[in-house]
Amino acid sequence: MKKVTILFDLDGTLIDSTEAILDGFYYTFKRFGQNPPPKEKILALIGHPLDFMFAHLGIKEEDIEKYVQSYKERYRIVSKQKTILLPRAKEAIEEAVQFANLGIVTTKTGLYSKELMEHFGLMHYFGVLIGREDVIHPKPHPEPIFKAMHKLHAHPEHSWMVGDTCLDIEAANAAGIGSVAVECGYATSIQLRRCARHRAVDAYKAVAMIRHKELE
């Protein structure tokens, strides 16, 4: 039985679905007769749940649900075609599974996330995937981390979260586990320096850092 548990975020940590995400937002805004917001505004919100993103992009509360559903419908169609693995993400997973139990904690829809990881041939490495529909409170609340840890029978003192935004790090802190912020995603280095004690250039380096610390 492995004593170490590593939980990975998806967007900006293991995968780059920027093109698919932008496609989903552009399609949805145009579908409802709206001009899409600037690319930079959308990218700055990645990591938050869709309802939060649409609210902060100016959609009225009563319209958010239909925007979210439209986005999900479009995203499911284009996600496999317009998503790629980040460099060394596969190697990071293959290295991590040698000494740790693995899980995914994401604010993306869990069903579509599983389909994506199966598409890449990587889902079998993970013992659990917690998506937006699996929790009441998404990151930075610790609920998704606690749920993943429970399913993996994880020990808090040997558990880690790897993610690319302060939402991931704050959730890990609230759950009382370790964390490594990767600089290959959507947050800036300045933002990550403010919230993360440990940082790495990508998921592969993050796994190496965790392995080293667990062997200390």
Protein backbone atom coordinates (compact mmCIF):
# COMPACT_ATOMS: atom_id res chain seq x y z
CA MET A 1 0.00 0.00 0.00
CA LYS A 2 1.46 3.34 -1.07
CA LYS A 3 1.49 5.93 1.69
CA VAL A 4 1.79 8.98 -0.57
CA THR A 5 -1.18 10.55 -2.38
CA ILE A 6 -0.89 13.13 -5.16
CA LEU A 7 -3.93 15.02 -6.43
CA PHE A 8 -3.63 16.83 -9.75
CA ASP A 9 -5.60 19.72 -11.18
CA LEU A 10 -6.26 19.43 -14.93
CA ASP A 11 -6.29 22.71 -16.89
CA GLY A 12 -2.87 24.30 -16.86
CA THR A 13 -1.42 21.43 -14.84
CA LEU A 14 -1.77 18.30 -16.99
CA ILE A 15 -3.67 19.54 -20.04
CA ASP A 16 -3.94 22.61 -22.23
CA SER A 17 -7.57 23.02 -23.25
CA THR A 18 -7.33 26.77 -23.88
CA GLU A 19 -8.55 26.46 -27.47
CA ALA A 20 -11.53 24.31 -26.43
CA ILE A 21 -12.45 26.62 -23.54
CA LEU A 22 -12.33 29.73 -25.72
CA ASP A 23 -14.34 27.97 -28.42
CA GLY A 24 -17.01 27.11 -25.84
CA PHE A 25 -17.28 30.66 -24.57
CA TYR A 26 -17.21 32.27 -28.02
CA TYR A 27 -19.87 29.88 -29.30
CA THR A 28 -22.13 30.44 -26.30
CA PHE A 29 -21.97 34.23 -26.31
CA LYS A 30 -22.67 34.33 -30.05
CA ARG A 31 -25.51 31.81 -29.71
CA PHE A 32 -27.32 34.18 -27.39
CA GLY A 33 -26.63 37.28 -29.48
CA GLN A 34 -23.78 38.66 -27.39
CA ASN A 35 -20.31 39.79 -28.36
CA PRO A 36 -17.75 37.44 -26.77
CA PRO A 37 -15.55 39.04 -24.10
CA PRO A 38 -11.84 39.53 -24.75
CA LYS A 39 -9.73 36.38 -24.64
CA GLU A 40 -7.69 37.74 -21.72
CA LYS A 41 -10.78 38.14 -19.52
CA ILE A 42 -11.81 34.53 -20.10
CA LEU A 43 -8.33 33.14 -19.48
CA ALA A 44 -7.97 35.10 -16.25
CA LEU A 45 -10.98 33.25 -14.82
CA ILE A 46 -9.94 29.70 -15.69
CA GLY A 47 -9.88 27.54 -12.60
CA HIS A 48 -13.18 28.91 -11.32
CA PRO A 49 -16.50 27.10 -11.92
CA LEU A 50 -18.40 28.00 -15.07
CA ASP A 51 -21.19 29.81 -13.25
CA PHE A 52 -18.62 32.04 -11.55
CA MET A 53 -16.90 32.70 -14.90
CA PHE A 54 -20.08 33.68 -16.71
CA ALA A 55 -21.18 35.89 -13.81
CA HIS A 56 -17.85 37.72 -13.91
CA LEU A 57 -18.12 38.06 -17.68
CA GLY A 58 -21.32 40.07 -17.27
CA ILE A 59 -24.08 37.49 -17.65
CA LYS A 60 -27.20 38.13 -15.57
CA GLU A 61 -27.85 35.65 -12.78
CA GLU A 62 -31.11 34.42 -14.33
CA ASP A 63 -29.32 33.58 -17.62
CA ILE A 64 -26.22 31.88 -16.23
CA GLU A 65 -27.61 28.34 -16.20
CA LYS A 66 -28.50 28.36 -19.90
CA TYR A 67 -25.07 29.77 -20.73
CA VAL A 68 -23.39 27.05 -18.68
CA GLN A 69 -25.42 24.30 -20.39
CA SER A 70 -24.67 25.71 -23.84
CA TYR A 71 -20.97 25.87 -23.02
CA LYS A 72 -20.95 22.26 -21.79
CA GLU A 73 -22.71 21.03 -24.93
CA ARG A 74 -20.18 22.77 -27.15
CA TYR A 75 -17.17 21.82 -25.03
CA ARG A 76 -18.03 18.13 -25.16
CA ILE A 77 -18.05 18.30 -28.97
CA VAL A 78 -14.71 20.10 -29.38
CA SER A 79 -12.73 19.14 -26.26
CA LYS A 80 -10.90 16.06 -27.57
CA GLN A 81 -9.99 17.75 -30.84
CA LYS A 82 -8.85 21.00 -29.20
CA THR A 83 -7.09 19.77 -26.05
CA ILE A 84 -3.50 18.59 -25.73
CA LEU A 85 -1.37 17.22 -22.93
CA LEU A 86 1.10 19.70 -21.52
CA PRO A 87 4.77 18.87 -22.05
CA ARG A 88 5.97 16.07 -19.74
CA ALA A 89 2.49 15.62 -18.24
CA LYS A 90 2.37 11.95 -19.23
CA GLU A 91 5.86 11.42 -17.83
CA ALA A 92 4.81 13.14 -14.60
CA ILE A 93 1.88 10.76 -14.18
CA GLU A 94 3.98 7.69 -14.99
CA GLU A 95 6.62 8.79 -12.49
CA ALA A 96 4.09 9.68 -9.77
CA VAL A 97 2.26 6.34 -9.93
CA GLN A 98 5.51 4.55 -9.07
CA PHE A 99 5.31 5.82 -5.48
CA ALA A 100 1.90 7.44 -4.96
CA ASN A 101 -1.84 6.92 -5.27
CA LEU A 102 -3.17 9.42 -7.79
CA GLY A 103 -6.35 11.45 -8.09
CA ILE A 104 -7.68 14.37 -10.09
CA VAL A 105 -9.46 17.34 -8.48
CA THR A 106 -10.88 19.78 -11.00
CA THR A 107 -13.60 22.40 -11.35
CA LYS A 108 -14.32 21.02 -14.83
CA THR A 109 -17.27 18.70 -15.32
CA GLY A 110 -16.12 15.31 -14.06
CA LEU A 111 -17.81 13.30 -16.83
CA TYR A 112 -16.08 15.24 -19.60
CA SER A 113 -12.79 15.20 -17.72
CA LYS A 114 -12.87 11.41 -17.50
CA GLU A 115 -13.64 11.18 -21.20
CA LEU A 116 -10.65 13.42 -21.94
CA MET A 117 -8.25 11.44 -19.80
CA GLU A 118 -9.50 8.19 -21.31
CA HIS A 119 -8.93 9.75 -24.73
CA PHE A 120 -5.30 10.35 -23.74
CA GLY A 121 -5.03 6.80 -22.34
CA LEU A 122 -4.25 8.05 -18.82
CA MET A 123 -7.42 7.64 -16.76
CA HIS A 124 -6.44 4.17 -15.50
CA TYR A 125 -3.59 5.71 -13.50
CA PHE A 126 -6.05 7.60 -11.29
CA GLY A 127 -8.03 6.09 -8.45
CA VAL A 128 -10.52 8.96 -8.35
CA LEU A 129 -11.61 12.03 -10.30
CA ILE A 130 -13.59 14.70 -8.47
CA GLY A 131 -15.32 17.16 -10.79
CA ARG A 132 -17.62 20.14 -10.31
CA GLU A 133 -20.76 18.02 -10.09
CA ASP A 134 -19.31 15.87 -7.31
CA VAL A 135 -19.18 18.63 -4.69
CA ILE A 136 -21.24 21.48 -3.29
CA HIS A 137 -18.23 23.73 -2.72
CA PRO A 138 -15.48 23.78 -5.40
CA LYS A 139 -11.88 24.87 -4.89
CA PRO A 140 -10.64 26.93 -3.04
CA HIS A 141 -12.93 25.15 -0.55
CA PRO A 142 -11.29 21.93 0.69
CA GLU A 143 -14.38 19.77 0.02
CA PRO A 144 -13.16 18.29 -3.31
CA ILE A 145 -9.78 17.47 -1.79
CA PHE A 146 -11.37 15.85 1.26
CA LYS A 147 -13.64 13.79 -1.01
CA ALA A 148 -10.72 12.59 -3.15
CA MET A 149 -8.63 11.77 -0.08
CA HIS A 150 -11.49 9.78 1.45
CA LYS A 151 -11.84 7.66 -1.69
CA LEU A 152 -8.09 7.04 -1.81
CA HIS A 153 -7.79 6.38 1.96
CA ALA A 154 -5.12 9.10 1.97
CA HIS A 155 -2.98 10.17 4.92
CA PRO A 156 -3.00 13.99 5.24
CA GLU A 157 0.65 14.11 6.26
CA HIS A 158 1.61 12.33 3.02
CA SER A 159 -0.87 14.00 0.65
CA TRP A 160 -0.15 16.66 -1.95
CA MET A 161 -2.03 18.87 -4.39
CA VAL A 162 -0.40 19.89 -7.68
CA GLY A 163 -2.07 22.80 -9.46
CA ASP A 164 -1.47 25.93 -11.48
CA THR A 165 -3.53 28.53 -9.60
CA CYS A 166 -3.84 29.87 -6.07
CA LEU A 167 -7.28 28.21 -5.92
CA ASP A 168 -5.48 24.85 -5.87
CA ILE A 169 -2.98 25.96 -3.26
CA GLU A 170 -5.61 27.56 -1.03
CA ALA A 171 -7.73 24.39 -1.19
CA ALA A 172 -4.71 22.29 -0.21
CA ASN A 173 -3.90 24.63 2.67
CA ALA A 174 -7.49 24.47 3.90
CA ALA A 175 -7.38 20.66 3.72
CA GLY A 176 -4.13 20.55 5.66
CA ILE A 177 -2.04 18.89 2.95
CA GLY A 178 1.09 19.82 1.03
CA SER A 179 1.04 21.53 -2.34
CA VAL A 180 3.22 22.43 -5.30
CA ALA A 181 2.24 25.18 -7.73
CA VAL A 182 3.24 24.68 -11.35
CA GLU A 183 4.17 27.64 -13.50
CA CYS A 184 3.02 26.14 -16.81
CA GLY A 185 -0.62 27.18 -16.42
CA TYR A 186 -2.88 30.19 -16.12
CA ALA A 187 -1.59 31.99 -13.03
CA THR A 188 1.42 34.28 -13.25
CA SER A 189 4.63 33.63 -11.36
CA ILE A 190 3.92 36.71 -9.26
CA GLN A 191 0.51 35.36 -8.26
CA LEU A 192 1.94 31.95 -7.38
CA ARG A 193 4.75 33.43 -5.31
CA ARG A 194 2.12 35.08 -3.11
CA CYS A 195 0.25 31.86 -2.31
CA ALA A 196 2.62 28.92 -2.80
CA ARG A 197 5.50 27.78 -0.67
CA HIS A 198 6.67 25.24 -3.26
CA ARG A 199 6.77 25.93 -7.01
CA ALA A 200 7.92 23.97 -10.04
CA VAL A 201 8.06 24.70 -13.75
CA ASP A 202 5.71 21.83 -14.62
CA ALA A 203 4.00 18.72 -13.26
CA TYR A 204 7.03 16.52 -13.87
CA LYS A 205 9.25 18.74 -11.73
CA ALA A 206 6.48 18.96 -9.11
CA VAL A 207 6.38 15.16 -8.84
CA ALA A 208 10.16 15.04 -8.51
CA MET A 209 9.99 17.63 -5.73
CA ILE A 210 7.33 15.65 -3.88
CA ARG A 211 9.28 12.43 -4.20
CA HIS A 212 12.38 14.11 -2.80
CA LYS A 213 10.47 15.58 0.15
CA GLU A 214 8.78 12.26 0.94
CA LEU A 215 12.17 10.56 1.02
CA GLU A 216 13.78 13.15 3.30
